[in-house]
Amino acid sequence: MIKIITIAITSLLAITLFTGCVQPDVHTDKGKSSSSFWGDFTNEDDVDMSDDNLTESEMLITEDGEEYKIERIAFPVSEYNRLPRTGKGTVKGSIYVTDAYDRRVVGKSTRLYLNPVTSYSEQWYEESYVGGYKMQKADSRLFNYLRFTASDKSGKFAFFGVPSGSYYLIGTVKCGDECGYDGMKNIRIATKVTVRGNQVIQKDLTRMFE
């Protein structure tokens, strides 16, 4: 009897030891990657929330030669507190740039993110992405509300478990001589998408390069 108890205790300790050393498998249902969890599996340093990746044509320079930076509005805490944190929506597509002849340069293995539409992100979209102005560094609290993923080698991407709402879908394509540039440049692309319930939204992220 003592021998049986000893074997049982030894087996239990072994199971506890091995399971305690195994890292949880970071996947959602049906094996889908959860890299788009709300800020859980990345860090702020992975995301350029400033506007330093503007192309030369998007930079506006003051008369004294210094870059002009728009002051951001105060971070609207109440707006972000009202955002849903979980969902069942999907946003997927491809990221690429094209020339006048519709030749594509895809964004290979590049990080993309969904930025909820608020007064704070609307200012960035209007002043920086559309208007071309650089802006001051974003409030670090914004990072907690972004969702992330990465494209594959063919430029395809997908976000899973997206809460209902409207977002700016944002990513960059690195392009050099194939786009007619002397050196490698980051071409930033942004567009708005809206997700409701368990919708699957197909949306390519694309623009023409100059």
N, C-alpha and C. Protein backbone atom coordinates (compact mmCIF):
# COMPACT_ATOMS: atom_id res chain seq x y z
N MET A 1 0.84 -1.21 0.00
CA MET A 1 0.00 0.00 0.00
C MET A 1 0.87 1.26 0.00
N ILE A 2 1.91 1.27 0.86
CA ILE A 2 2.82 2.41 0.94
C ILE A 2 3.51 2.62 -0.39
N LYS A 3 3.89 1.48 -1.04
CA LYS A 3 4.56 1.57 -2.35
C LYS A 3 3.65 2.21 -3.39
N ILE A 4 2.35 1.87 -3.38
CA ILE A 4 1.39 2.44 -4.34
C ILE A 4 1.25 3.94 -4.12
N ILE A 5 1.15 4.36 -2.84
CA ILE A 5 1.00 5.78 -2.52
C ILE A 5 2.24 6.56 -2.97
N THR A 6 3.41 5.95 -2.74
CA THR A 6 4.68 6.60 -3.14
C THR A 6 4.74 6.81 -4.65
N ILE A 7 4.32 5.79 -5.40
CA ILE A 7 4.31 5.90 -6.87
C ILE A 7 3.34 6.99 -7.32
N ALA A 8 2.17 7.05 -6.70
CA ALA A 8 1.16 8.05 -7.07
C ALA A 8 1.67 9.46 -6.81
N ILE A 9 2.31 9.66 -5.63
CA ILE A 9 2.84 10.99 -5.30
C ILE A 9 3.94 11.39 -6.27
N THR A 10 4.81 10.43 -6.61
CA THR A 10 5.90 10.70 -7.56
C THR A 10 5.36 11.10 -8.93
N SER A 11 4.31 10.40 -9.38
CA SER A 11 3.70 10.71 -10.69
C SER A 11 3.08 12.09 -10.68
N LEU A 12 2.41 12.43 -9.57
CA LEU A 12 1.76 13.74 -9.48
C LEU A 12 2.78 14.86 -9.50
N LEU A 13 3.89 14.68 -8.79
CA LEU A 13 4.95 15.69 -8.79
C LEU A 13 5.55 15.86 -10.17
N ALA A 14 5.71 14.75 -10.89
CA ALA A 14 6.28 14.82 -12.25
C ALA A 14 5.38 15.58 -13.19
N ILE A 15 4.06 15.32 -13.10
CA ILE A 15 3.09 16.02 -13.95
C ILE A 15 3.10 17.50 -13.66
N THR A 16 3.12 17.85 -12.36
CA THR A 16 3.14 19.27 -11.96
C THR A 16 4.37 19.97 -12.46
N LEU A 17 5.52 19.29 -12.35
CA LEU A 17 6.78 19.88 -12.77
C LEU A 17 6.80 20.17 -14.25
N PHE A 18 6.37 19.19 -15.07
CA PHE A 18 6.42 19.37 -16.52
C PHE A 18 5.41 20.40 -17.01
N THR A 19 4.18 20.36 -16.48
CA THR A 19 3.17 21.32 -16.94
C THR A 19 3.51 22.71 -16.50
N GLY A 20 4.19 22.87 -15.40
CA GLY A 20 4.57 24.19 -14.93
C GLY A 20 5.63 24.83 -15.78
N CYS A 21 6.37 24.04 -16.56
CA CYS A 21 7.44 24.58 -17.39
C CYS A 21 7.01 24.85 -18.82
N VAL A 22 5.80 24.46 -19.18
CA VAL A 22 5.33 24.64 -20.55
C VAL A 22 4.67 26.01 -20.70
N GLN A 23 5.10 26.75 -21.70
CA GLN A 23 4.50 28.05 -21.99
C GLN A 23 3.16 27.85 -22.67
N PRO A 24 2.17 28.68 -22.37
CA PRO A 24 0.86 28.53 -23.01
C PRO A 24 0.95 28.77 -24.50
N ASP A 25 0.21 28.00 -25.25
CA ASP A 25 0.18 28.12 -26.70
C ASP A 25 -0.66 29.32 -27.08
N VAL A 26 -0.04 30.32 -27.67
CA VAL A 26 -0.73 31.57 -27.94
C VAL A 26 -1.48 31.48 -29.25
N HIS A 27 -2.66 30.89 -29.22
CA HIS A 27 -3.51 30.76 -30.39
C HIS A 27 -4.96 30.93 -29.97
N THR A 28 -5.74 31.41 -30.89
CA THR A 28 -7.17 31.53 -30.66
C THR A 28 -7.83 30.25 -31.13
N ASP A 29 -9.16 30.24 -31.15
CA ASP A 29 -9.89 29.07 -31.62
C ASP A 29 -9.50 28.72 -33.04
N LYS A 30 -9.53 27.44 -33.33
CA LYS A 30 -9.25 26.91 -34.66
C LYS A 30 -7.82 27.21 -35.11
N GLY A 31 -6.93 27.42 -34.14
CA GLY A 31 -5.52 27.58 -34.47
C GLY A 31 -5.14 28.92 -35.03
N LYS A 32 -6.02 29.91 -34.94
CA LYS A 32 -5.71 31.22 -35.49
C LYS A 32 -4.79 31.96 -34.53
N SER A 33 -3.81 32.65 -35.09
CA SER A 33 -2.84 33.37 -34.26
C SER A 33 -3.51 34.49 -33.50
N SER A 34 -3.09 34.69 -32.25
CA SER A 34 -3.65 35.76 -31.43
C SER A 34 -2.70 36.93 -31.34
N SER A 35 -1.86 37.13 -32.35
CA SER A 35 -0.93 38.24 -32.32
C SER A 35 -1.66 39.57 -32.33
N SER A 36 -2.98 39.56 -32.57
CA SER A 36 -3.73 40.80 -32.59
C SER A 36 -4.44 41.07 -31.27
N PHE A 37 -4.07 40.36 -30.18
CA PHE A 37 -4.63 40.68 -28.87
C PHE A 37 -4.31 42.12 -28.52
N TRP A 38 -5.12 42.72 -27.66
CA TRP A 38 -4.95 44.13 -27.30
C TRP A 38 -3.65 44.33 -26.53
N GLY A 39 -2.56 44.58 -27.23
CA GLY A 39 -1.32 44.97 -26.60
C GLY A 39 -0.68 43.92 -25.71
N ASP A 40 -1.13 42.67 -25.72
CA ASP A 40 -0.63 41.68 -24.79
C ASP A 40 0.68 41.05 -25.23
N PHE A 41 0.90 40.90 -26.54
CA PHE A 41 2.04 40.13 -27.00
C PHE A 41 2.98 40.97 -27.87
N THR A 42 3.05 42.23 -27.59
CA THR A 42 4.00 43.11 -28.24
C THR A 42 4.30 44.22 -27.26
N ASN A 43 5.12 45.15 -27.64
CA ASN A 43 5.39 46.26 -26.74
C ASN A 43 5.47 47.55 -27.52
N GLU A 44 5.45 48.64 -26.78
CA GLU A 44 5.34 49.96 -27.41
C GLU A 44 6.48 50.25 -28.38
N ASP A 45 7.67 49.68 -28.10
CA ASP A 45 8.81 49.94 -28.95
C ASP A 45 8.69 49.30 -30.32
N ASP A 46 7.75 48.35 -30.48
CA ASP A 46 7.55 47.68 -31.76
C ASP A 46 6.74 48.52 -32.74
N VAL A 47 6.09 49.56 -32.24
CA VAL A 47 5.16 50.33 -33.07
C VAL A 47 5.60 51.77 -33.15
N ASP A 48 5.73 52.27 -34.36
CA ASP A 48 6.09 53.67 -34.55
C ASP A 48 4.83 54.50 -34.48
N MET A 49 4.55 55.05 -33.28
CA MET A 49 3.35 55.87 -33.12
C MET A 49 3.66 57.35 -33.32
N SER A 50 4.92 57.67 -33.61
CA SER A 50 5.25 59.03 -34.01
C SER A 50 4.95 59.12 -35.50
N ASP A 51 5.45 60.14 -36.13
CA ASP A 51 5.21 60.25 -37.57
C ASP A 51 6.54 60.38 -38.31
N ASP A 52 7.53 59.62 -37.85
CA ASP A 52 8.85 59.71 -38.44
C ASP A 52 9.01 58.89 -39.71
N ASN A 53 7.97 58.13 -40.07
CA ASN A 53 8.07 57.31 -41.28
C ASN A 53 7.35 57.93 -42.47
N LEU A 54 7.19 59.24 -42.45
CA LEU A 54 6.61 59.92 -43.60
C LEU A 54 7.58 59.90 -44.76
N THR A 55 7.06 59.82 -45.97
CA THR A 55 7.92 59.94 -47.14
C THR A 55 8.28 61.42 -47.32
N GLU A 56 9.29 61.67 -48.13
CA GLU A 56 9.75 63.05 -48.31
C GLU A 56 8.64 63.95 -48.83
N SER A 57 7.81 63.43 -49.69
CA SER A 57 6.74 64.24 -50.28
C SER A 57 5.66 64.58 -49.25
N GLU A 58 5.62 63.86 -48.12
CA GLU A 58 4.62 64.13 -47.11
C GLU A 58 5.11 65.09 -46.02
N MET A 59 6.39 65.42 -46.05
CA MET A 59 6.95 66.30 -45.03
C MET A 59 6.74 67.76 -45.41
N LEU A 60 6.25 68.54 -44.48
CA LEU A 60 6.11 69.97 -44.69
C LEU A 60 7.17 70.69 -43.87
N ILE A 61 7.94 71.54 -44.52
CA ILE A 61 9.06 72.22 -43.89
C ILE A 61 8.74 73.70 -43.72
N THR A 62 9.09 74.26 -42.57
CA THR A 62 8.86 75.68 -42.33
C THR A 62 9.91 76.49 -43.09
N GLU A 63 9.74 77.80 -43.11
CA GLU A 63 10.65 78.66 -43.86
C GLU A 63 12.08 78.60 -43.33
N ASP A 64 12.23 78.34 -42.03
CA ASP A 64 13.58 78.27 -41.47
C ASP A 64 14.20 76.89 -41.64
N GLY A 65 13.51 76.01 -42.37
CA GLY A 65 14.07 74.71 -42.69
C GLY A 65 13.77 73.62 -41.68
N GLU A 66 13.05 73.91 -40.60
CA GLU A 66 12.74 72.91 -39.59
C GLU A 66 11.38 72.29 -39.86
N GLU A 67 11.28 71.01 -39.54
CA GLU A 67 10.01 70.33 -39.72
C GLU A 67 8.98 70.84 -38.71
N TYR A 68 7.76 71.08 -39.19
CA TYR A 68 6.70 71.58 -38.32
C TYR A 68 5.89 70.40 -37.79
N LYS A 69 5.67 70.39 -36.47
CA LYS A 69 4.92 69.30 -35.85
C LYS A 69 3.65 69.83 -35.20
N ILE A 70 2.52 69.21 -35.60
CA ILE A 70 1.22 69.58 -35.04
C ILE A 70 1.10 69.08 -33.59
N GLU A 71 0.56 69.91 -32.72
CA GLU A 71 0.31 69.49 -31.34
C GLU A 71 -0.93 68.61 -31.31
N ARG A 72 -0.83 67.48 -30.65
CA ARG A 72 -1.98 66.58 -30.55
C ARG A 72 -2.97 67.08 -29.51
N ILE A 73 -4.25 66.75 -29.73
CA ILE A 73 -5.27 67.09 -28.74
C ILE A 73 -5.06 66.23 -27.49
N ALA A 74 -5.70 66.62 -26.40
CA ALA A 74 -5.59 65.83 -25.17
C ALA A 74 -6.16 64.44 -25.39
N PHE A 75 -5.52 63.45 -24.80
CA PHE A 75 -5.97 62.08 -24.97
C PHE A 75 -7.37 61.92 -24.37
N PRO A 76 -8.39 61.54 -25.18
CA PRO A 76 -9.78 61.47 -24.71
C PRO A 76 -10.06 60.16 -23.96
N VAL A 77 -9.75 60.13 -22.70
CA VAL A 77 -9.86 58.91 -21.89
C VAL A 77 -11.27 58.32 -21.95
N SER A 78 -12.29 59.19 -21.84
CA SER A 78 -13.67 58.69 -21.81
C SER A 78 -14.04 57.98 -23.10
N GLU A 79 -13.55 58.47 -24.25
CA GLU A 79 -13.84 57.81 -25.52
C GLU A 79 -13.24 56.41 -25.56
N TYR A 80 -12.02 56.29 -25.10
CA TYR A 80 -11.36 54.99 -25.14
C TYR A 80 -11.94 54.03 -24.11
N ASN A 81 -12.40 54.55 -23.00
CA ASN A 81 -13.01 53.68 -21.99
C ASN A 81 -14.30 53.04 -22.49
N ARG A 82 -14.95 53.67 -23.46
CA ARG A 82 -16.22 53.14 -23.99
C ARG A 82 -16.01 52.09 -25.08
N LEU A 83 -14.79 51.92 -25.53
CA LEU A 83 -14.53 50.96 -26.62
C LEU A 83 -14.67 49.53 -26.12
N PRO A 84 -15.33 48.66 -26.89
CA PRO A 84 -15.41 47.24 -26.51
C PRO A 84 -14.03 46.60 -26.59
N ARG A 85 -13.77 45.67 -25.70
CA ARG A 85 -12.45 45.05 -25.63
C ARG A 85 -12.38 43.67 -26.28
N THR A 86 -13.51 43.06 -26.51
CA THR A 86 -13.52 41.73 -27.14
C THR A 86 -14.49 41.72 -28.30
N GLY A 87 -14.30 40.78 -29.20
CA GLY A 87 -15.18 40.68 -30.36
C GLY A 87 -14.92 39.42 -31.15
N LYS A 88 -15.68 39.28 -32.25
CA LYS A 88 -15.58 38.09 -33.09
C LYS A 88 -15.39 38.43 -34.57
N GLY A 89 -15.09 39.68 -34.86
CA GLY A 89 -14.93 40.08 -36.25
C GLY A 89 -13.56 39.71 -36.81
N THR A 90 -13.47 39.75 -38.14
CA THR A 90 -12.22 39.46 -38.84
C THR A 90 -11.97 40.53 -39.90
N VAL A 91 -10.74 41.00 -39.98
CA VAL A 91 -10.33 41.92 -41.04
C VAL A 91 -9.13 41.28 -41.73
N LYS A 92 -9.23 41.06 -43.05
CA LYS A 92 -8.12 40.43 -43.76
C LYS A 92 -7.98 41.01 -45.15
N GLY A 93 -6.80 40.85 -45.72
CA GLY A 93 -6.55 41.37 -47.06
C GLY A 93 -5.07 41.27 -47.39
N SER A 94 -4.62 42.16 -48.27
CA SER A 94 -3.21 42.22 -48.68
C SER A 94 -2.74 43.66 -48.62
N ILE A 95 -1.46 43.84 -48.34
CA ILE A 95 -0.88 45.18 -48.31
C ILE A 95 0.14 45.30 -49.45
N TYR A 96 0.00 46.36 -50.26
CA TYR A 96 0.90 46.55 -51.39
C TYR A 96 0.77 47.97 -51.92
N VAL A 97 1.76 48.38 -52.71
CA VAL A 97 1.69 49.64 -53.43
C VAL A 97 1.75 49.33 -54.91
N THR A 98 1.24 50.25 -55.72
CA THR A 98 1.22 50.05 -57.17
C THR A 98 1.76 51.28 -57.89
N ASP A 99 2.16 51.08 -59.14
CA ASP A 99 2.54 52.22 -59.97
C ASP A 99 1.41 52.52 -60.95
N ALA A 100 1.64 53.43 -61.87
CA ALA A 100 0.60 53.84 -62.81
C ALA A 100 0.18 52.70 -63.73
N TYR A 101 1.00 51.66 -63.84
CA TYR A 101 0.70 50.52 -64.70
C TYR A 101 0.15 49.34 -63.89
N ASP A 102 -0.20 49.61 -62.63
CA ASP A 102 -0.78 48.61 -61.72
C ASP A 102 0.19 47.48 -61.39
N ARG A 103 1.49 47.77 -61.48
CA ARG A 103 2.48 46.80 -61.03
C ARG A 103 2.60 46.90 -59.51
N ARG A 104 2.65 45.76 -58.83
CA ARG A 104 2.60 45.75 -57.38
C ARG A 104 3.95 45.50 -56.73
N VAL A 105 4.13 46.17 -55.59
CA VAL A 105 5.22 45.85 -54.67
C VAL A 105 4.54 45.55 -53.34
N VAL A 106 4.64 44.30 -52.88
CA VAL A 106 3.89 43.90 -51.70
C VAL A 106 4.67 44.21 -50.43
N GLY A 107 3.91 44.38 -49.35
CA GLY A 107 4.51 44.59 -48.04
C GLY A 107 4.80 43.24 -47.40
N LYS A 108 6.02 42.78 -47.51
CA LYS A 108 6.38 41.46 -47.02
C LYS A 108 6.72 41.50 -45.52
N SER A 109 6.07 40.62 -44.77
CA SER A 109 6.39 40.46 -43.34
C SER A 109 6.46 41.81 -42.62
N THR A 110 5.47 42.64 -42.87
CA THR A 110 5.44 43.95 -42.24
C THR A 110 4.35 44.00 -41.17
N ARG A 111 4.55 44.81 -40.15
CA ARG A 111 3.58 44.92 -39.07
C ARG A 111 2.45 45.86 -39.48
N LEU A 112 1.22 45.45 -39.18
CA LEU A 112 0.04 46.28 -39.40
C LEU A 112 -0.70 46.42 -38.08
N TYR A 113 -1.49 47.48 -37.98
CA TYR A 113 -2.30 47.62 -36.78
C TYR A 113 -3.62 48.30 -37.06
N LEU A 114 -4.58 48.01 -36.18
CA LEU A 114 -5.89 48.65 -36.21
C LEU A 114 -5.93 49.68 -35.08
N ASN A 115 -6.25 50.91 -35.44
CA ASN A 115 -6.32 52.01 -34.49
C ASN A 115 -7.78 52.46 -34.41
N PRO A 116 -8.45 52.28 -33.27
CA PRO A 116 -9.87 52.65 -33.17
C PRO A 116 -10.12 54.11 -33.57
N VAL A 117 -11.21 54.36 -34.28
CA VAL A 117 -11.54 55.72 -34.69
C VAL A 117 -12.10 56.48 -33.48
N THR A 118 -11.38 57.52 -33.08
CA THR A 118 -11.79 58.43 -32.00
C THR A 118 -11.40 59.82 -32.45
N SER A 119 -11.72 60.83 -31.65
CA SER A 119 -11.30 62.18 -32.00
C SER A 119 -9.78 62.27 -32.05
N TYR A 120 -9.11 61.45 -31.25
CA TYR A 120 -7.64 61.46 -31.19
C TYR A 120 -7.04 60.89 -32.47
N SER A 121 -7.55 59.75 -32.92
CA SER A 121 -7.01 59.15 -34.15
C SER A 121 -7.49 59.90 -35.39
N GLU A 122 -8.67 60.50 -35.32
CA GLU A 122 -9.16 61.31 -36.45
C GLU A 122 -8.24 62.50 -36.69
N GLN A 123 -7.74 63.11 -35.61
CA GLN A 123 -6.81 64.23 -35.78
C GLN A 123 -5.55 63.76 -36.50
N TRP A 124 -5.03 62.60 -36.07
CA TRP A 124 -3.84 62.06 -36.73
C TRP A 124 -4.12 61.81 -38.22
N TYR A 125 -5.28 61.21 -38.52
CA TYR A 125 -5.59 60.87 -39.91
C TYR A 125 -5.69 62.13 -40.77
N GLU A 126 -6.40 63.13 -40.29
CA GLU A 126 -6.62 64.35 -41.07
C GLU A 126 -5.35 65.20 -41.18
N GLU A 127 -4.65 65.39 -40.07
CA GLU A 127 -3.50 66.29 -40.05
C GLU A 127 -2.24 65.64 -40.62
N SER A 128 -2.02 64.36 -40.28
CA SER A 128 -0.77 63.72 -40.67
C SER A 128 -0.91 62.92 -41.96
N TYR A 129 -1.81 61.94 -41.96
CA TYR A 129 -1.89 61.07 -43.13
C TYR A 129 -2.41 61.80 -44.36
N VAL A 130 -3.51 62.56 -44.20
CA VAL A 130 -4.07 63.30 -45.33
C VAL A 130 -3.37 64.63 -45.53
N GLY A 131 -3.18 65.38 -44.43
CA GLY A 131 -2.61 66.73 -44.54
C GLY A 131 -1.12 66.75 -44.77
N GLY A 132 -0.41 65.70 -44.33
CA GLY A 132 1.03 65.66 -44.58
C GLY A 132 1.88 66.26 -43.49
N TYR A 133 1.28 66.74 -42.40
CA TYR A 133 2.05 67.32 -41.32
C TYR A 133 2.57 66.24 -40.38
N LYS A 134 3.77 66.47 -39.84
CA LYS A 134 4.24 65.62 -38.76
C LYS A 134 3.54 66.05 -37.48
N MET A 135 3.44 65.11 -36.56
CA MET A 135 2.77 65.41 -35.29
C MET A 135 3.67 65.04 -34.13
N GLN A 136 3.34 65.61 -32.99
CA GLN A 136 4.07 65.27 -31.78
C GLN A 136 3.85 63.80 -31.45
N LYS A 137 4.72 63.24 -30.63
CA LYS A 137 4.63 61.83 -30.25
C LYS A 137 3.27 61.54 -29.62
N ALA A 138 2.70 60.39 -29.98
CA ALA A 138 1.38 60.01 -29.47
C ALA A 138 1.46 59.67 -27.98
N ASP A 139 0.35 59.88 -27.29
CA ASP A 139 0.23 59.51 -25.89
C ASP A 139 0.45 57.99 -25.76
N SER A 140 1.26 57.57 -24.81
CA SER A 140 1.58 56.14 -24.68
C SER A 140 0.36 55.30 -24.35
N ARG A 141 -0.71 55.91 -23.82
CA ARG A 141 -1.92 55.16 -23.51
C ARG A 141 -2.61 54.64 -24.77
N LEU A 142 -2.34 55.26 -25.90
CA LEU A 142 -2.93 54.79 -27.16
C LEU A 142 -2.54 53.35 -27.44
N PHE A 143 -1.33 52.99 -27.07
CA PHE A 143 -0.81 51.64 -27.33
C PHE A 143 -1.73 50.55 -26.79
N ASN A 144 -2.41 50.82 -25.68
CA ASN A 144 -3.27 49.82 -25.05
C ASN A 144 -4.52 49.51 -25.87
N TYR A 145 -4.80 50.30 -26.90
CA TYR A 145 -6.04 50.14 -27.67
C TYR A 145 -5.77 49.74 -29.12
N LEU A 146 -4.52 49.51 -29.47
CA LEU A 146 -4.18 49.09 -30.82
C LEU A 146 -4.21 47.57 -30.92
N ARG A 147 -4.55 47.08 -32.10
CA ARG A 147 -4.49 45.64 -32.37
C ARG A 147 -3.44 45.41 -33.45
N PHE A 148 -2.68 44.33 -33.33
CA PHE A 148 -1.53 44.12 -34.20
C PHE A 148 -1.61 42.79 -34.95
N THR A 149 -0.99 42.79 -36.10
CA THR A 149 -0.73 41.54 -36.82
C THR A 149 0.45 41.81 -37.74
N ALA A 150 0.83 40.82 -38.53
CA ALA A 150 1.91 40.98 -39.50
C ALA A 150 1.52 40.27 -40.78
N SER A 151 1.97 40.80 -41.89
CA SER A 151 1.70 40.17 -43.18
C SER A 151 2.67 39.03 -43.41
N ASP A 152 2.30 38.13 -44.34
CA ASP A 152 3.22 37.05 -44.70
C ASP A 152 4.11 37.52 -45.86
N LYS A 153 4.85 36.61 -46.44
CA LYS A 153 5.80 36.98 -47.49
C LYS A 153 5.12 37.43 -48.78
N SER A 154 3.83 37.12 -48.91
CA SER A 154 3.10 37.57 -50.10
C SER A 154 2.25 38.81 -49.81
N GLY A 155 2.39 39.37 -48.60
CA GLY A 155 1.66 40.59 -48.25
C GLY A 155 0.28 40.36 -47.67
N LYS A 156 -0.11 39.11 -47.45
CA LYS A 156 -1.44 38.84 -46.91
C LYS A 156 -1.42 38.97 -45.38
N PHE A 157 -2.53 39.46 -44.82
CA PHE A 157 -2.62 39.65 -43.38
C PHE A 157 -4.04 39.34 -42.90
N ALA A 158 -4.20 39.18 -41.60
CA ALA A 158 -5.52 38.97 -41.02
C ALA A 158 -5.50 39.34 -39.54
N PHE A 159 -6.59 39.98 -39.11
CA PHE A 159 -6.85 40.24 -37.69
C PHE A 159 -8.05 39.40 -37.29
N PHE A 160 -7.96 38.70 -36.18
CA PHE A 160 -9.06 37.89 -35.69
C PHE A 160 -9.54 38.42 -34.33
N GLY A 161 -10.80 38.13 -34.01
CA GLY A 161 -11.34 38.54 -32.72
C GLY A 161 -11.45 40.04 -32.57
N VAL A 162 -11.83 40.71 -33.65
CA VAL A 162 -11.91 42.18 -33.64
C VAL A 162 -13.26 42.63 -33.07
N PRO A 163 -13.27 43.51 -32.07
CA PRO A 163 -14.53 44.03 -31.53
C PRO A 163 -15.26 44.90 -32.56
N SER A 164 -16.57 45.00 -32.43
CA SER A 164 -17.35 45.86 -33.32
C SER A 164 -16.89 47.31 -33.19
N GLY A 165 -16.83 47.99 -34.32
CA GLY A 165 -16.42 49.39 -34.31
C GLY A 165 -15.71 49.78 -35.58
N SER A 166 -15.30 51.03 -35.64
CA SER A 166 -14.56 51.55 -36.80
C SER A 166 -13.09 51.73 -36.43
N TYR A 167 -12.23 51.44 -37.40
CA TYR A 167 -10.79 51.48 -37.16
C TYR A 167 -10.07 52.09 -38.36
N TYR A 168 -8.89 52.64 -38.08
CA TYR A 168 -7.94 52.95 -39.14
C TYR A 168 -7.02 51.74 -39.27
N LEU A 169 -7.00 51.16 -40.45
CA LEU A 169 -6.11 50.05 -40.77
C LEU A 169 -4.83 50.67 -41.32
N ILE A 170 -3.69 50.38 -40.67
CA ILE A 170 -2.45 51.09 -40.97
C ILE A 170 -1.30 50.11 -41.16
N GLY A 171 -0.47 50.38 -42.15
CA GLY A 171 0.72 49.57 -42.37
C GLY A 171 1.69 50.31 -43.28
N THR A 172 2.88 49.77 -43.45
CA THR A 172 3.88 50.39 -44.33
C THR A 172 4.46 49.34 -45.27
N VAL A 173 4.83 49.82 -46.44
CA VAL A 173 5.51 48.98 -47.43
C VAL A 173 6.90 49.56 -47.65
N LYS A 174 7.92 48.74 -47.50
CA LYS A 174 9.28 49.19 -47.78
C LYS A 174 9.55 49.04 -49.26
N CYS A 175 10.04 50.11 -49.87
CA CYS A 175 10.24 50.08 -51.32
C CYS A 175 11.48 50.90 -51.67
N GLY A 176 12.28 50.38 -52.58
CA GLY A 176 13.51 51.06 -53.00
C GLY A 176 13.54 51.32 -54.48
N ASP A 177 14.52 50.74 -55.17
CA ASP A 177 14.67 51.03 -56.59
C ASP A 177 13.49 50.54 -57.41
N GLU A 178 12.75 49.50 -56.90
CA GLU A 178 11.58 49.04 -57.64
C GLU A 178 10.47 50.08 -57.68
N CYS A 179 10.56 51.07 -56.78
CA CYS A 179 9.61 52.19 -56.78
C CYS A 179 10.24 53.46 -57.33
N GLY A 180 11.46 53.34 -57.83
CA GLY A 180 12.13 54.49 -58.41
C GLY A 180 12.85 55.37 -57.41
N TYR A 181 13.06 54.87 -56.18
CA TYR A 181 13.75 55.64 -55.16
C TYR A 181 15.24 55.28 -55.15
N ASP A 182 16.06 56.24 -54.75
CA ASP A 182 17.50 55.99 -54.67
C ASP A 182 17.83 55.06 -53.51
N GLY A 183 17.07 55.17 -52.42
CA GLY A 183 17.27 54.32 -51.26
C GLY A 183 15.96 53.72 -50.80
N MET A 184 16.02 52.89 -49.76
CA MET A 184 14.81 52.26 -49.24
C MET A 184 13.96 53.27 -48.49
N LYS A 185 12.66 53.27 -48.77
CA LYS A 185 11.73 54.18 -48.11
C LYS A 185 10.54 53.40 -47.55
N ASN A 186 9.95 53.94 -46.50
CA ASN A 186 8.72 53.39 -45.95
C ASN A 186 7.54 54.16 -46.52
N ILE A 187 6.65 53.47 -47.20
CA ILE A 187 5.44 54.09 -47.73
C ILE A 187 4.29 53.72 -46.80
N ARG A 188 3.79 54.70 -46.08
CA ARG A 188 2.73 54.42 -45.12
C ARG A 188 1.37 54.44 -45.80
N ILE A 189 0.51 53.52 -45.40
CA ILE A 189 -0.84 53.41 -45.97
C ILE A 189 -1.84 53.31 -44.83
N ALA A 190 -2.95 54.02 -44.95
CA ALA A 190 -4.01 53.96 -43.94
C ALA A 190 -5.37 54.05 -44.62
N THR A 191 -6.33 53.34 -44.10
CA THR A 191 -7.70 53.41 -44.59
C THR A 191 -8.64 53.06 -43.44
N LYS A 192 -9.91 53.39 -43.59
CA LYS A 192 -10.88 53.13 -42.52
C LYS A 192 -11.67 51.86 -42.83
N VAL A 193 -11.88 51.05 -41.79
CA VAL A 193 -12.70 49.85 -41.90
C VAL A 193 -13.68 49.83 -40.73
N THR A 194 -14.85 49.22 -40.96
CA THR A 194 -15.86 49.09 -39.91
C THR A 194 -16.26 47.63 -39.78
N VAL A 195 -16.29 47.16 -38.55
CA VAL A 195 -16.62 45.76 -38.26
C VAL A 195 -17.85 45.71 -37.38
N ARG A 196 -18.77 44.83 -37.70
CA ARG A 196 -19.97 44.64 -36.88
C ARG A 196 -20.14 43.14 -36.59
N GLY A 197 -20.24 42.82 -35.31
CA GLY A 197 -20.46 41.43 -34.92
C GLY A 197 -19.37 40.51 -35.40
N ASN A 198 -19.78 39.41 -36.04
CA ASN A 198 -18.81 38.41 -36.51
C ASN A 198 -18.52 38.55 -38.00
N GLN A 199 -18.64 39.76 -38.52
CA GLN A 199 -18.36 40.00 -39.94
C GLN A 199 -16.92 39.63 -40.29
N VAL A 200 -16.73 39.21 -41.53
CA VAL A 200 -15.40 39.02 -42.10
C VAL A 200 -15.22 40.11 -43.16
N ILE A 201 -14.38 41.07 -42.87
CA ILE A 201 -14.16 42.19 -43.76
C ILE A 201 -12.92 41.94 -44.62
N GLN A 202 -13.10 41.94 -45.94
CA GLN A 202 -11.98 41.81 -46.87
C GLN A 202 -11.58 43.21 -47.31
N LYS A 203 -10.38 43.64 -46.95
CA LYS A 203 -9.96 45.01 -47.25
C LYS A 203 -8.47 45.03 -47.54
N ASP A 204 -8.09 45.31 -48.79
CA ASP A 204 -6.68 45.47 -49.12
C ASP A 204 -6.20 46.84 -48.68
N LEU A 205 -4.96 46.89 -48.24
CA LEU A 205 -4.35 48.16 -47.85
C LEU A 205 -3.37 48.52 -48.94
N THR A 206 -3.71 49.54 -49.74
CA THR A 206 -2.93 49.84 -50.92
C THR A 206 -2.97 51.31 -51.29
N ARG A 207 -1.99 51.76 -51.99
CA ARG A 207 -1.95 53.11 -52.56
C ARG A 207 -0.92 53.13 -53.69
N MET A 208 -0.96 54.16 -54.53
CA MET A 208 0.04 54.32 -55.58
C MET A 208 1.26 55.02 -55.01
N PHE A 209 2.45 54.59 -55.46
CA PHE A 209 3.66 55.30 -55.04
C PHE A 209 4.00 56.35 -56.09
N GLU A 210 4.71 57.35 -55.66
CA GLU A 210 5.02 58.47 -56.55
C GLU A 210 6.28 58.21 -57.35
